[in-house]
PDB file of all heavy atoms in Angstrom:
ATOM      1  N   GLN A   1       0.836  -1.211   0.000  1.00  0.00           N
ATOM      2  CA  GLN A   1       0.000   0.000   0.000  1.00  0.00           C
ATOM      3  C   GLN A   1       0.868   1.258   0.000  1.00  0.00           C
ATOM      4  O   GLN A   1       0.583   2.234   0.683  1.00  0.00           O
ATOM      5  CB  GLN A   1      -0.948  -0.014   1.202  1.00  0.00           C
ATOM      6  CG  GLN A   1      -1.931  -1.183   1.170  1.00  0.00           C
ATOM      7  CD  GLN A   1      -2.829  -1.245   2.394  1.00  0.00           C
ATOM      8  OE1 GLN A   1      -2.613  -0.555   3.400  1.00  0.00           O
ATOM      9  NE2 GLN A   1      -3.852  -2.091   2.331  1.00  0.00           N
ATOM     10  N   LEU A   2       1.914   1.245  -0.803  1.00  0.00           N
ATOM     11  CA  LEU A   2       2.926   2.302  -0.750  1.00  0.00           C
ATOM     12  C   LEU A   2       2.570   3.457  -1.682  1.00  0.00           C
ATOM     13  O   LEU A   2       3.369   3.895  -2.517  1.00  0.00           O
ATOM     14  CB  LEU A   2       4.295   1.713  -1.085  1.00  0.00           C
ATOM     15  CG  LEU A   2       4.684   0.463  -0.270  1.00  0.00           C
ATOM     16  CD1 LEU A   2       6.087   0.003  -0.624  1.00  0.00           C
ATOM     17  CD2 LEU A   2       4.550   0.706   1.237  1.00  0.00           C
ATOM     18  N   SER A   3       1.384   3.978  -1.506  1.00  0.00           N
ATOM     19  CA  SER A   3       0.871   5.082  -2.316  1.00  0.00           C
ATOM     20  C   SER A   3       0.507   6.245  -1.405  1.00  0.00           C
ATOM     21  O   SER A   3      -0.267   6.046  -0.447  1.00  0.00           O
ATOM     22  CB  SER A   3      -0.378   4.655  -3.094  1.00  0.00           C
ATOM     23  OG  SER A   3      -0.167   3.471  -3.821  1.00  0.00           O
ATOM     24  N   PRO A   4       0.997   7.439  -1.661  1.00  0.00           N
ATOM     25  CA  PRO A   4       0.622   8.585  -0.818  1.00  0.00           C
ATOM     26  C   PRO A   4      -0.877   8.846  -0.809  1.00  0.00           C
ATOM     27  O   PRO A   4      -1.400   9.413   0.144  1.00  0.00           O
ATOM     28  CB  PRO A   4       1.377   9.757  -1.458  1.00  0.00           C
ATOM     29  CG  PRO A   4       2.476   9.140  -2.235  1.00  0.00           C
ATOM     30  CD  PRO A   4       1.972   7.811  -2.702  1.00  0.00           C
ATOM     31  N   THR A   5      -1.563   8.387  -1.873  1.00  0.00           N
ATOM     32  CA  THR A   5      -3.010   8.600  -1.967  1.00  0.00           C
ATOM     33  C   THR A   5      -3.817   7.442  -1.398  1.00  0.00           C
ATOM     34  O   THR A   5      -5.037   7.398  -1.573  1.00  0.00           O
ATOM     35  CB  THR A   5      -3.410   8.802  -3.439  1.00  0.00           C
ATOM     36  OG1 THR A   5      -2.986   7.655  -4.202  1.00  0.00           O
ATOM     37  CG2 THR A   5      -2.767  10.057  -4.009  1.00  0.00           C
ATOM     38  N   ILE A   6      -3.176   6.514  -0.704  1.00  0.00           N
ATOM     39  CA  ILE A   6      -3.890   5.368  -0.143  1.00  0.00           C
ATOM     40  C   ILE A   6      -5.000   5.869   0.783  1.00  0.00           C
ATOM     41  O   ILE A   6      -4.838   6.857   1.510  1.00  0.00           O
ATOM     42  CB  ILE A   6      -2.916   4.428   0.610  1.00  0.00           C
ATOM     43  CG1 ILE A   6      -3.563   3.072   0.900  1.00  0.00           C
ATOM     44  CG2 ILE A   6      -2.377   5.060   1.865  1.00  0.00           C
ATOM     45  CD1 ILE A   6      -3.661   2.174  -0.284  1.00  0.00           C
ATOM     46  N   SER A   7      -6.134   5.210   0.766  1.00  0.00           N
ATOM     47  CA  SER A   7      -7.310   5.720   1.479  1.00  0.00           C
ATOM     48  C   SER A   7      -7.091   5.837   2.983  1.00  0.00           C
ATOM     49  O   SER A   7      -7.687   6.694   3.630  1.00  0.00           O
ATOM     50  CB  SER A   7      -8.528   4.835   1.193  1.00  0.00           C
ATOM     51  OG  SER A   7      -8.305   3.492   1.587  1.00  0.00           O
ATOM     52  N   SER A   8      -6.235   4.988   3.539  1.00  0.00           N
ATOM     53  CA  SER A   8      -5.995   5.060   4.991  1.00  0.00           C
ATOM     54  C   SER A   8      -5.306   6.354   5.409  1.00  0.00           C
ATOM     55  O   SER A   8      -5.353   6.736   6.580  1.00  0.00           O
ATOM     56  CB  SER A   8      -5.154   3.863   5.442  1.00  0.00           C
ATOM     57  OG  SER A   8      -3.928   3.830   4.732  1.00  0.00           O
ATOM     58  N   LEU A   9      -4.677   7.051   4.459  1.00  0.00           N
ATOM     59  CA  LEU A   9      -3.979   8.305   4.782  1.00  0.00           C
ATOM     60  C   LEU A   9      -4.726   9.528   4.264  1.00  0.00           C
ATOM     61  O   LEU A   9      -4.245  10.657   4.431  1.00  0.00           O
ATOM     62  CB  LEU A   9      -2.570   8.288   4.173  1.00  0.00           C
ATOM     63  CG  LEU A   9      -1.634   7.158   4.600  1.00  0.00           C
ATOM     64  CD1 LEU A   9      -0.282   7.322   3.915  1.00  0.00           C
ATOM     65  CD2 LEU A   9      -1.466   7.126   6.119  1.00  0.00           C
ATOM     66  N   SER A  10      -5.883   9.340   3.648  1.00  0.00           N
ATOM     67  CA  SER A  10      -6.535  10.433   2.921  1.00  0.00           C
ATOM     68  C   SER A  10      -6.934  11.601   3.817  1.00  0.00           C
ATOM     69  O   SER A  10      -6.954  12.748   3.376  1.00  0.00           O
ATOM     70  CB  SER A  10      -7.768   9.908   2.185  1.00  0.00           C
ATOM     71  OG  SER A  10      -8.722   9.384   3.099  1.00  0.00           O
ATOM     72  N   ASP A  11      -7.247  11.327   5.087  1.00  0.00           N
ATOM     73  CA  ASP A  11      -7.655  12.405   5.993  1.00  0.00           C
ATOM     74  C   ASP A  11      -6.688  12.531   7.172  1.00  0.00           C
ATOM     75  O   ASP A  11      -7.073  12.945   8.270  1.00  0.00           O
ATOM     76  CB  ASP A  11      -9.081  12.196   6.478  1.00  0.00           C
ATOM     77  CG  ASP A  11      -9.292  10.819   7.116  1.00  0.00           C
ATOM     78  OD1 ASP A  11      -8.394   9.958   6.996  1.00  0.00           O
ATOM     79  OD2 ASP A  11     -10.366  10.589   7.709  1.00  0.00           O
ATOM     80  N   TYR A  12      -5.434  12.182   6.931  1.00  0.00           N
ATOM     81  CA  TYR A  12      -4.408  12.321   7.978  1.00  0.00           C
ATOM     82  C   TYR A  12      -4.367  13.766   8.464  1.00  0.00           C
ATOM     83  O   TYR A  12      -4.446  14.716   7.686  1.00  0.00           O
ATOM     84  CB  TYR A  12      -3.042  11.930   7.406  1.00  0.00           C
ATOM     85  CG  TYR A  12      -1.910  12.143   8.395  1.00  0.00           C
ATOM     86  CD1 TYR A  12      -1.490  11.115   9.225  1.00  0.00           C
ATOM     87  CD2 TYR A  12      -1.277  13.386   8.488  1.00  0.00           C
ATOM     88  CE1 TYR A  12      -0.459  11.315  10.140  1.00  0.00           C
ATOM     89  CE2 TYR A  12      -0.248  13.590   9.395  1.00  0.00           C
ATOM     90  CZ  TYR A  12       0.152  12.558  10.221  1.00  0.00           C
ATOM     91  OH  TYR A  12       1.175  12.751  11.118  1.00  0.00           O
ATOM     92  N   ARG A  13      -4.211  13.900   9.782  1.00  0.00           N
ATOM     93  CA  ARG A  13      -4.037  15.239  10.349  1.00  0.00           C
ATOM     94  C   ARG A  13      -3.044  15.182  11.497  1.00  0.00           C
ATOM     95  O   ARG A  13      -2.718  14.104  12.015  1.00  0.00           O
ATOM     96  CB  ARG A  13      -5.372  15.799  10.809  1.00  0.00           C
ATOM     97  CG  ARG A  13      -6.093  14.977  11.848  1.00  0.00           C
ATOM     98  CD  ARG A  13      -7.480  15.545  12.082  1.00  0.00           C
ATOM     99  NE  ARG A  13      -8.250  14.743  13.012  1.00  0.00           N
ATOM    100  CZ  ARG A  13      -9.537  14.945  13.245  1.00  0.00           C
ATOM    101  NH1 ARG A  13     -10.181  15.916  12.644  1.00  0.00           N
ATOM    102  NH2 ARG A  13     -10.190  14.180  14.104  1.00  0.00           N
ATOM    103  N   ASP A  14      -2.587  16.330  11.877  1.00  0.00           N
ATOM    104  CA  ASP A  14      -1.617  16.402  12.969  1.00  0.00           C
ATOM    105  C   ASP A  14      -2.157  15.689  14.201  1.00  0.00           C
ATOM    106  O   ASP A  14      -3.329  15.835  14.554  1.00  0.00           O
ATOM    107  CB  ASP A  14      -1.317  17.864  13.315  1.00  0.00           C
ATOM    108  CG  ASP A  14      -0.499  18.562  12.235  1.00  0.00           C
ATOM    109  OD1 ASP A  14       0.065  17.849  11.394  1.00  0.00           O
ATOM    110  OD2 ASP A  14      -0.449  19.810  12.236  1.00  0.00           O
ATOM    111  N   GLY A  15      -1.294  14.913  14.839  1.00  0.00           N
ATOM    112  CA  GLY A  15      -1.676  14.126  16.004  1.00  0.00           C
ATOM    113  C   GLY A  15      -1.886  12.665  15.673  1.00  0.00           C
ATOM    114  O   GLY A  15      -1.838  11.808  16.560  1.00  0.00           O
ATOM    115  N   ASP A  16      -2.134  12.369  14.390  1.00  0.00           N
ATOM    116  CA  ASP A  16      -2.261  10.974  13.968  1.00  0.00           C
ATOM    117  C   ASP A  16      -0.883  10.327  13.876  1.00  0.00           C
ATOM    118  O   ASP A  16       0.147  11.002  13.820  1.00  0.00           O
ATOM    119  CB  ASP A  16      -2.952  10.883  12.606  1.00  0.00           C
ATOM    120  CG  ASP A  16      -4.429  11.268  12.667  1.00  0.00           C
ATOM    121  OD1 ASP A  16      -4.948  11.430  13.787  1.00  0.00           O
ATOM    122  OD2 ASP A  16      -5.041  11.410  11.599  1.00  0.00           O
ATOM    123  N   LEU A  17      -0.876   9.005  13.841  1.00  0.00           N
ATOM    124  CA  LEU A  17       0.377   8.271  13.739  1.00  0.00           C
ATOM    125  C   LEU A  17       0.237   7.187  12.676  1.00  0.00           C
ATOM    126  O   LEU A  17      -0.716   6.395  12.708  1.00  0.00           O
ATOM    127  CB  LEU A  17       0.728   7.614  15.081  1.00  0.00           C
ATOM    128  CG  LEU A  17       2.010   6.756  15.099  1.00  0.00           C
ATOM    129  CD1 LEU A  17       3.243   7.625  14.881  1.00  0.00           C
ATOM    130  CD2 LEU A  17       2.114   5.990  16.423  1.00  0.00           C
ATOM    131  N   VAL A  18       1.168   7.167  11.736  1.00  0.00           N
ATOM    132  CA  VAL A  18       1.221   6.108  10.733  1.00  0.00           C
ATOM    133  C   VAL A  18       2.125   4.998  11.251  1.00  0.00           C
ATOM    134  O   VAL A  18       3.244   5.264  11.706  1.00  0.00           O
ATOM    135  CB  VAL A  18       1.759   6.636   9.388  1.00  0.00           C
ATOM    136  CG1 VAL A  18       1.818   5.506   8.360  1.00  0.00           C
ATOM    137  CG2 VAL A  18       0.899   7.783   8.880  1.00  0.00           C
ATOM    138  N   VAL A  19       1.633   3.769  11.196  1.00  0.00           N
ATOM    139  CA  VAL A  19       2.413   2.609  11.624  1.00  0.00           C
ATOM    140  C   VAL A  19       2.694   1.724  10.414  1.00  0.00           C
ATOM    141  O   VAL A  19       1.794   1.415   9.625  1.00  0.00           O
ATOM    142  CB  VAL A  19       1.677   1.798  12.709  1.00  0.00           C
ATOM    143  CG1 VAL A  19       2.388   0.476  12.988  1.00  0.00           C
ATOM    144  CG2 VAL A  19       1.584   2.622  13.989  1.00  0.00           C
ATOM    145  N   MET A  20       3.950   1.347  10.278  1.00  0.00           N
ATOM    146  CA  MET A  20       4.359   0.368   9.282  1.00  0.00           C
ATOM    147  C   MET A  20       5.226  -0.661   9.987  1.00  0.00           C
ATOM    148  O   MET A  20       5.991  -0.323  10.901  1.00  0.00           O
ATOM    149  CB  MET A  20       5.119   1.027   8.130  1.00  0.00           C
ATOM    150  CG  MET A  20       4.306   2.071   7.376  1.00  0.00           C
ATOM    151  SD  MET A  20       5.227   2.848   6.013  1.00  0.00           S
ATOM    152  CE  MET A  20       5.398   1.445   4.900  1.00  0.00           C
ATOM    153  N   ALA A  21       5.115  -1.915   9.556  1.00  0.00           N
ATOM    154  CA  ALA A  21       5.812  -2.968  10.296  1.00  0.00           C
ATOM    155  C   ALA A  21       6.248  -4.102   9.380  1.00  0.00           C
ATOM    156  O   ALA A  21       5.462  -4.594   8.570  1.00  0.00           O
ATOM    157  CB  ALA A  21       4.918  -3.520  11.413  1.00  0.00           C
ATOM    158  N   GLU A  22       7.498  -4.495   9.528  1.00  0.00           N
ATOM    159  CA  GLU A  22       8.004  -5.715   8.909  1.00  0.00           C
ATOM    160  C   GLU A  22       7.781  -6.835   9.916  1.00  0.00           C
ATOM    161  O   GLU A  22       8.303  -6.764  11.040  1.00  0.00           O
ATOM    162  CB  GLU A  22       9.503  -5.577   8.623  1.00  0.00           C
ATOM    163  CG  GLU A  22       9.863  -4.411   7.732  1.00  0.00           C
ATOM    164  CD  GLU A  22      11.342  -4.053   7.772  1.00  0.00           C
ATOM    165  OE1 GLU A  22      12.120  -4.772   8.446  1.00  0.00           O
ATOM    166  OE2 GLU A  22      11.727  -3.050   7.138  1.00  0.00           O
ATOM    167  N   VAL A  23       7.002  -7.842   9.554  1.00  0.00           N
ATOM    168  CA  VAL A  23       6.681  -8.876  10.534  1.00  0.00           C
ATOM    169  C   VAL A  23       6.927 -10.265   9.940  1.00  0.00           C
ATOM    170  O   VAL A  23       6.698 -10.512   8.750  1.00  0.00           O
ATOM    171  CB  VAL A  23       5.226  -8.758  11.044  1.00  0.00           C
ATOM    172  CG1 VAL A  23       5.042  -7.473  11.833  1.00  0.00           C
ATOM    173  CG2 VAL A  23       4.215  -8.854   9.934  1.00  0.00           C
ATOM    174  N   HIS A  24       7.364 -11.139  10.806  1.00  0.00           N
ATOM    175  CA  HIS A  24       7.712 -12.498  10.410  1.00  0.00           C
ATOM    176  C   HIS A  24       6.513 -13.236   9.825  1.00  0.00           C
ATOM    177  O   HIS A  24       6.638 -13.994   8.853  1.00  0.00           O
ATOM    178  CB  HIS A  24       8.268 -13.249  11.626  1.00  0.00           C
ATOM    179  CG  HIS A  24       8.840 -14.584  11.301  1.00  0.00           C
ATOM    180  ND1 HIS A  24       8.112 -15.758  11.413  1.00  0.00           N
ATOM    181  CD2 HIS A  24      10.072 -14.950  10.868  1.00  0.00           C
ATOM    182  CE1 HIS A  24       8.875 -16.774  11.068  1.00  0.00           C
ATOM    183  NE2 HIS A  24      10.068 -16.325  10.728  1.00  0.00           N
ATOM    184  N   ALA A  25       5.340 -13.018  10.392  1.00  0.00           N
ATOM    185  CA  ALA A  25       4.147 -13.750   9.945  1.00  0.00           C
ATOM    186  C   ALA A  25       3.857 -13.482   8.475  1.00  0.00           C
ATOM    187  O   ALA A  25       3.498 -14.401   7.725  1.00  0.00           O
ATOM    188  CB  ALA A  25       2.945 -13.368  10.805  1.00  0.00           C
ATOM    189  N   GLU A  26       4.000 -12.234   8.037  1.00  0.00           N
ATOM    190  CA  GLU A  26       3.689 -11.898   6.644  1.00  0.00           C
ATOM    191  C   GLU A  26       4.801 -12.332   5.689  1.00  0.00           C
ATOM    192  O   GLU A  26       4.543 -12.563   4.506  1.00  0.00           O
ATOM    193  CB  GLU A  26       3.424 -10.394   6.513  1.00  0.00           C
ATOM    194  CG  GLU A  26       2.161  -9.935   7.215  1.00  0.00           C
ATOM    195  CD  GLU A  26       0.924 -10.678   6.714  1.00  0.00           C
ATOM    196  OE1 GLU A  26       0.679 -10.694   5.502  1.00  0.00           O
ATOM    197  OE2 GLU A  26       0.208 -11.261   7.558  1.00  0.00           O
ATOM    198  N   ALA A  27       6.008 -12.450   6.189  1.00  0.00           N
ATOM    199  CA  ALA A  27       7.116 -12.896   5.339  1.00  0.00           C
ATOM    200  C   ALA A  27       7.172 -14.405   5.196  1.00  0.00           C
ATOM    201  O   ALA A  27       7.845 -14.910   4.293  1.00  0.00           O
ATOM    202  CB  ALA A  27       8.442 -12.388   5.908  1.00  0.00           C
ATOM    203  N   THR A  28       6.437 -15.127   6.057  1.00  0.00           N
ATOM    204  CA  THR A  28       6.595 -16.585   6.091  1.00  0.00           C
ATOM    205  C   THR A  28       5.297 -17.374   6.019  1.00  0.00           C
ATOM    206  O   THR A  28       5.338 -18.608   6.082  1.00  0.00           O
ATOM    207  CB  THR A  28       7.343 -17.006   7.382  1.00  0.00           C
ATOM    208  OG1 THR A  28       6.596 -16.578   8.524  1.00  0.00           O
ATOM    209  CG2 THR A  28       8.740 -16.424   7.421  1.00  0.00           C
ATOM    210  N   TYR A  29       4.128 -16.724   5.893  1.00  0.00           N
ATOM    211  CA  TYR A  29       2.892 -17.531   5.786  1.00  0.00           C
ATOM    212  C   TYR A  29       2.970 -18.409   4.544  1.00  0.00           C
ATOM    213  O   TYR A  29       2.390 -19.491   4.494  1.00  0.00           O
ATOM    214  CB  TYR A  29       1.640 -16.665   5.802  1.00  0.00           C
ATOM    215  CG  TYR A  29       1.395 -15.835   4.582  1.00  0.00           C
ATOM    216  CD1 TYR A  29       0.606 -16.311   3.539  1.00  0.00           C
ATOM    217  CD2 TYR A  29       1.942 -14.562   4.468  1.00  0.00           C
ATOM    218  CE1 TYR A  29       0.387 -15.548   2.407  1.00  0.00           C
ATOM    219  CE2 TYR A  29       1.722 -13.791   3.347  1.00  0.00           C
ATOM    220  CZ  TYR A  29       0.951 -14.292   2.317  1.00  0.00           C
ATOM    221  OH  TYR A  29       0.741 -13.518   1.208  1.00  0.00           O
ATOM    222  N   VAL A  30       3.670 -17.922   3.509  1.00  0.00           N
ATOM    223  CA  VAL A  30       4.326 -18.779   2.533  1.00  0.00           C
ATOM    224  C   VAL A  30       5.781 -18.305   2.521  1.00  0.00           C
ATOM    225  O   VAL A  30       6.067 -17.155   2.850  1.00  0.00           O
ATOM    226  CB  VAL A  30       3.695 -18.701   1.123  1.00  0.00           C
ATOM    227  CG1 VAL A  30       2.276 -19.221   1.133  1.00  0.00           C
ATOM    228  CG2 VAL A  30       3.767 -17.298   0.550  1.00  0.00           C
ATOM    229  N   ARG A  31       6.686 -19.178   2.124  1.00  0.00           N
ATOM    230  CA  ARG A  31       8.113 -18.855   2.244  1.00  0.00           C
ATOM    231  C   ARG A  31       8.549 -18.019   1.029  1.00  0.00           C
ATOM    232  O   ARG A  31       9.195 -18.512   0.102  1.00  0.00           O
ATOM    233  CB  ARG A  31       8.929 -20.131   2.375  1.00  0.00           C
ATOM    234  CG  ARG A  31       8.637 -20.882   3.681  1.00  0.00           C
ATOM    235  CD  ARG A  31       9.154 -22.305   3.639  1.00  0.00           C
ATOM    236  NE  ARG A  31      10.589 -22.389   3.419  1.00  0.00           N
ATOM    237  CZ  ARG A  31      11.504 -22.299   4.379  1.00  0.00           C
ATOM    238  NH1 ARG A  31      11.126 -22.138   5.632  1.00  0.00           N
ATOM    239  NH2 ARG A  31      12.784 -22.382   4.087  1.00  0.00           N
ATOM    240  N   HIS A  32       8.226 -16.732   1.088  1.00  0.00           N
ATOM    241  CA  HIS A  32       8.421 -15.848  -0.051  1.00  0.00           C
ATOM    242  C   HIS A  32       9.877 -15.829  -0.530  1.00  0.00           C
ATOM    243  O   HIS A  32      10.824 -15.944   0.257  1.00  0.00           O
ATOM    244  CB  HIS A  32       8.014 -14.420   0.320  1.00  0.00           C
ATOM    245  CG  HIS A  32       6.555 -14.254   0.565  1.00  0.00           C
ATOM    246  ND1 HIS A  32       5.610 -14.324  -0.435  1.00  0.00           N
ATOM    247  CD2 HIS A  32       5.869 -14.019   1.713  1.00  0.00           C
ATOM    248  CE1 HIS A  32       4.406 -14.129   0.079  1.00  0.00           C
ATOM    249  NE2 HIS A  32       4.534 -13.949   1.377  1.00  0.00           N
ATOM    250  N   HIS A  33      10.012 -15.651  -1.825  1.00  0.00           N
ATOM    251  CA  HIS A  33      11.314 -15.474  -2.485  1.00  0.00           C
ATOM    252  C   HIS A  33      12.126 -14.415  -1.736  1.00  0.00           C
ATOM    253  O   HIS A  33      11.609 -13.367  -1.352  1.00  0.00           O
ATOM    254  CB  HIS A  33      11.053 -15.026  -3.923  1.00  0.00           C
ATOM    255  CG  HIS A  33      12.218 -15.118  -4.852  1.00  0.00           C
ATOM    256  ND1 HIS A  33      13.395 -14.430  -4.664  1.00  0.00           N
ATOM    257  CD2 HIS A  33      12.373 -15.804  -6.024  1.00  0.00           C
ATOM    258  CE1 HIS A  33      14.224 -14.686  -5.671  1.00  0.00           C
ATOM    259  NE2 HIS A  33      13.627 -15.527  -6.511  1.00  0.00           N
ATOM    260  N   LYS A  34      13.403 -14.682  -1.546  1.00  0.00           N
ATOM    261  CA  LYS A  34      14.243 -13.734  -0.813  1.00  0.00           C
ATOM    262  C   LYS A  34      14.237 -12.355  -1.464  1.00  0.00           C
ATOM    263  O   LYS A  34      14.215 -11.326  -0.786  1.00  0.00           O
ATOM    264  CB  LYS A  34      15.672 -14.278  -0.721  1.00  0.00           C
ATOM    265  CG  LYS A  34      15.822 -15.466   0.225  1.00  0.00           C
ATOM    266  CD  LYS A  34      17.283 -15.777   0.517  1.00  0.00           C
ATOM    267  CE  LYS A  34      17.967 -16.520  -0.605  1.00  0.00           C
ATOM    268  NZ  LYS A  34      17.519 -17.929  -0.719  1.00  0.00           N
ATOM    269  N   LYS A  35      14.257 -12.317  -2.788  1.00  0.00           N
ATOM    270  CA  LYS A  35      14.282 -11.022  -3.488  1.00  0.00           C
ATOM    271  C   LYS A  35      12.957 -10.286  -3.299  1.00  0.00           C
ATOM    272  O   LYS A  35      12.935  -9.052  -3.238  1.00  0.00           O
ATOM    273  CB  LYS A  35      14.578 -11.249  -4.969  1.00  0.00           C
ATOM    274  CG  LYS A  35      14.951  -9.998  -5.744  1.00  0.00           C
ATOM    275  CD  LYS A  35      15.671 -10.355  -7.041  1.00  0.00           C
ATOM    276  CE  LYS A  35      17.098 -10.794  -6.782  1.00  0.00           C
ATOM    277  NZ  LYS A  35      17.807 -11.182  -8.028  1.00  0.00           N
ATOM    278  N   LYS A  36      11.863 -11.006  -3.209  1.00  0.00           N
ATOM    279  CA  LYS A  36      10.560 -10.389  -2.976  1.00  0.00           C
ATOM    280  C   LYS A  36      10.521  -9.728  -1.599  1.00  0.00           C
ATOM    281  O   LYS A  36      10.049  -8.584  -1.459  1.00  0.00           O
ATOM    282  CB  LYS A  36       9.460 -11.446  -3.079  1.00  0.00           C
ATOM    283  CG  LYS A  36       8.043 -10.940  -2.845  1.00  0.00           C
ATOM    284  CD  LYS A  36       7.035 -12.077  -2.965  1.00  0.00           C
ATOM    285  CE  LYS A  36       5.600 -11.595  -2.882  1.00  0.00           C
ATOM    286  NZ  LYS A  36       4.627 -12.714  -3.044  1.00  0.00           N
ATOM    287  N   ILE A  37      10.992 -10.430  -0.589  1.00  0.00           N
ATOM    288  CA  ILE A  37      11.010  -9.865   0.766  1.00  0.00           C
ATOM    289  C   ILE A  37      11.889  -8.618   0.804  1.00  0.00           C
ATOM    290  O   ILE A  37      11.512  -7.579   1.361  1.00  0.00           O
ATOM    291  CB  ILE A  37      11.491 -10.903   1.791  1.00  0.00           C
ATOM    292  CG1 ILE A  37      10.554 -12.115   1.824  1.00  0.00           C
ATOM    293  CG2 ILE A  37      11.589 -10.267   3.183  1.00  0.00           C
ATOM    294  CD1 ILE A  37      11.063 -13.257   2.687  1.00  0.00           C
ATOM    295  N   ALA A  38      13.067  -8.716   0.193  1.00  0.00           N
ATOM    296  CA  ALA A  38      13.988  -7.575   0.194  1.00  0.00           C
ATOM    297  C   ALA A  38      13.382  -6.384  -0.540  1.00  0.00           C
ATOM    298  O   ALA A  38      13.496  -5.231  -0.081  1.00  0.00           O
ATOM    299  CB  ALA A  38      15.310  -7.973  -0.443  1.00  0.00           C
ATOM    300  N   PHE A  39      12.756  -6.646  -1.676  1.00  0.00           N
ATOM    301  CA  PHE A  39      12.120  -5.564  -2.423  1.00  0.00           C
ATOM    302  C   PHE A  39      11.071  -4.854  -1.569  1.00  0.00           C
ATOM    303  O   PHE A  39      11.056  -3.617  -1.471  1.00  0.00           O
ATOM    304  CB  PHE A  39      11.482  -6.112  -3.709  1.00  0.00           C
ATOM    305  CG  PHE A  39      10.524  -5.162  -4.357  1.00  0.00           C
ATOM    306  CD1 PHE A  39      10.993  -4.009  -4.981  1.00  0.00           C
ATOM    307  CD2 PHE A  39       9.152  -5.390  -4.322  1.00  0.00           C
ATOM    308  CE1 PHE A  39      10.102  -3.106  -5.565  1.00  0.00           C
ATOM    309  CE2 PHE A  39       8.267  -4.501  -4.901  1.00  0.00           C
ATOM    310  CZ  PHE A  39       8.739  -3.362  -5.528  1.00  0.00           C
ATOM    311  N   LEU A  40      10.192  -5.613  -0.935  1.00  0.00           N
ATOM    312  CA  LEU A  40       9.110  -4.999  -0.171  1.00  0.00           C
ATOM    313  C   LEU A  40       9.611  -4.286   1.076  1.00  0.00           C
ATOM    314  O   LEU A  40       9.180  -3.165   1.384  1.00  0.00           O
ATOM    315  CB  LEU A  40       8.056  -6.043   0.180  1.00  0.00           C
ATOM    316  CG  LEU A  40       7.126  -6.426  -0.967  1.00  0.00           C
ATOM    317  CD1 LEU A  40       6.237  -7.592  -0.572  1.00  0.00           C
ATOM    318  CD2 LEU A  40       6.279  -5.236  -1.407  1.00  0.00           C
ATOM    319  N   PHE A  41      10.514  -4.901   1.815  1.00  0.00           N
ATOM    320  CA  PHE A  41      11.023  -4.246   3.031  1.00  0.00           C
ATOM    321  C   PHE A  41      11.749  -2.939   2.678  1.00  0.00           C
ATOM    322  O   PHE A  41      11.568  -1.914   3.342  1.00  0.00           O
ATOM    323  CB  PHE A  41      11.961  -5.176   3.789  1.00  0.00           C
ATOM    324  CG  PHE A  41      11.269  -6.243   4.603  1.00  0.00           C
ATOM    325  CD1 PHE A  41       9.897  -6.401   4.573  1.00  0.00           C
ATOM    326  CD2 PHE A  41      12.010  -7.102   5.411  1.00  0.00           C
ATOM    327  CE1 PHE A  41       9.264  -7.385   5.323  1.00  0.00           C
ATOM    328  CE2 PHE A  41      11.390  -8.094   6.171  1.00  0.00           C
ATOM    329  CZ  PHE A  41      10.022  -8.233   6.127  1.00  0.00           C
ATOM    330  N   SER A  42      12.560  -2.968   1.622  1.00  0.00           N
ATOM    331  CA  SER A  42      13.268  -1.740   1.246  1.00  0.00           C
ATOM    332  C   SER A  42      12.289  -0.688   0.730  1.00  0.00           C
ATOM    333  O   SER A  42      12.401   0.498   1.079  1.00  0.00           O
ATOM    334  CB  SER A  42      14.322  -2.048   0.187  1.00  0.00           C
ATOM    335  OG  SER A  42      15.051  -0.877  -0.131  1.00  0.00           O
ATOM    336  N   ALA A  43      11.328  -1.106  -0.101  1.00  0.00           N
ATOM    337  CA  ALA A  43      10.334  -0.156  -0.597  1.00  0.00           C
ATOM    338  C   ALA A  43       9.520   0.434   0.558  1.00  0.00           C
ATOM    339  O   ALA A  43       9.184   1.631   0.544  1.00  0.00           O
ATOM    340  CB  ALA A  43       9.418  -0.833  -1.609  1.00  0.00           C
ATOM    341  N   MET A  44       9.188  -0.389   1.552  1.00  0.00           N
ATOM    342  CA  MET A  44       8.457   0.106   2.718  1.00  0.00           C
ATOM    343  C   MET A  44       9.276   1.150   3.474  1.00  0.00           C
ATOM    344  O   MET A  44       8.746   2.207   3.870  1.00  0.00           O
ATOM    345  CB  MET A  44       8.114  -1.057   3.649  1.00  0.00           C
ATOM    346  CG  MET A  44       7.032  -1.987   3.126  1.00  0.00           C
ATOM    347  SD  MET A  44       6.893  -3.519   4.109  1.00  0.00           S
ATOM    348  CE  MET A  44       6.348  -2.864   5.704  1.00  0.00           C
ATOM    349  N   ARG A  45      10.553   0.875   3.689  1.00  0.00           N
ATOM    350  CA  ARG A  45      11.400   1.832   4.431  1.00  0.00           C
ATOM    351  C   ARG A  45      11.533   3.148   3.667  1.00  0.00           C
ATOM    352  O   ARG A  45      11.502   4.233   4.269  1.00  0.00           O
ATOM    353  CB  ARG A  45      12.767   1.207   4.703  1.00  0.00           C
ATOM    354  CG  ARG A  45      12.704   0.018   5.649  1.00  0.00           C
ATOM    355  CD  ARG A  45      14.093  -0.511   6.005  1.00  0.00           C
ATOM    356  NE  ARG A  45      14.007  -1.750   6.772  1.00  0.00           N
ATOM    357  CZ  ARG A  45      15.035  -2.310   7.414  1.00  0.00           C
ATOM    358  NH1 ARG A  45      16.230  -1.738   7.378  1.00  0.00           N
ATOM    359  NH2 ARG A  45      14.870  -3.432   8.089  1.00  0.00           N
TER     360      ARG A  45
END
């Protein structure tokens, strides 16, 4: 969801907090390709 126009951020205002997280469960519910994990984690950061 790496879009500035994503609906979850559409009405962001001061005082709100955006949370993003790299988590083991999402990287391993299937054993994703190493390059896929690296691409997403770096793009997220």
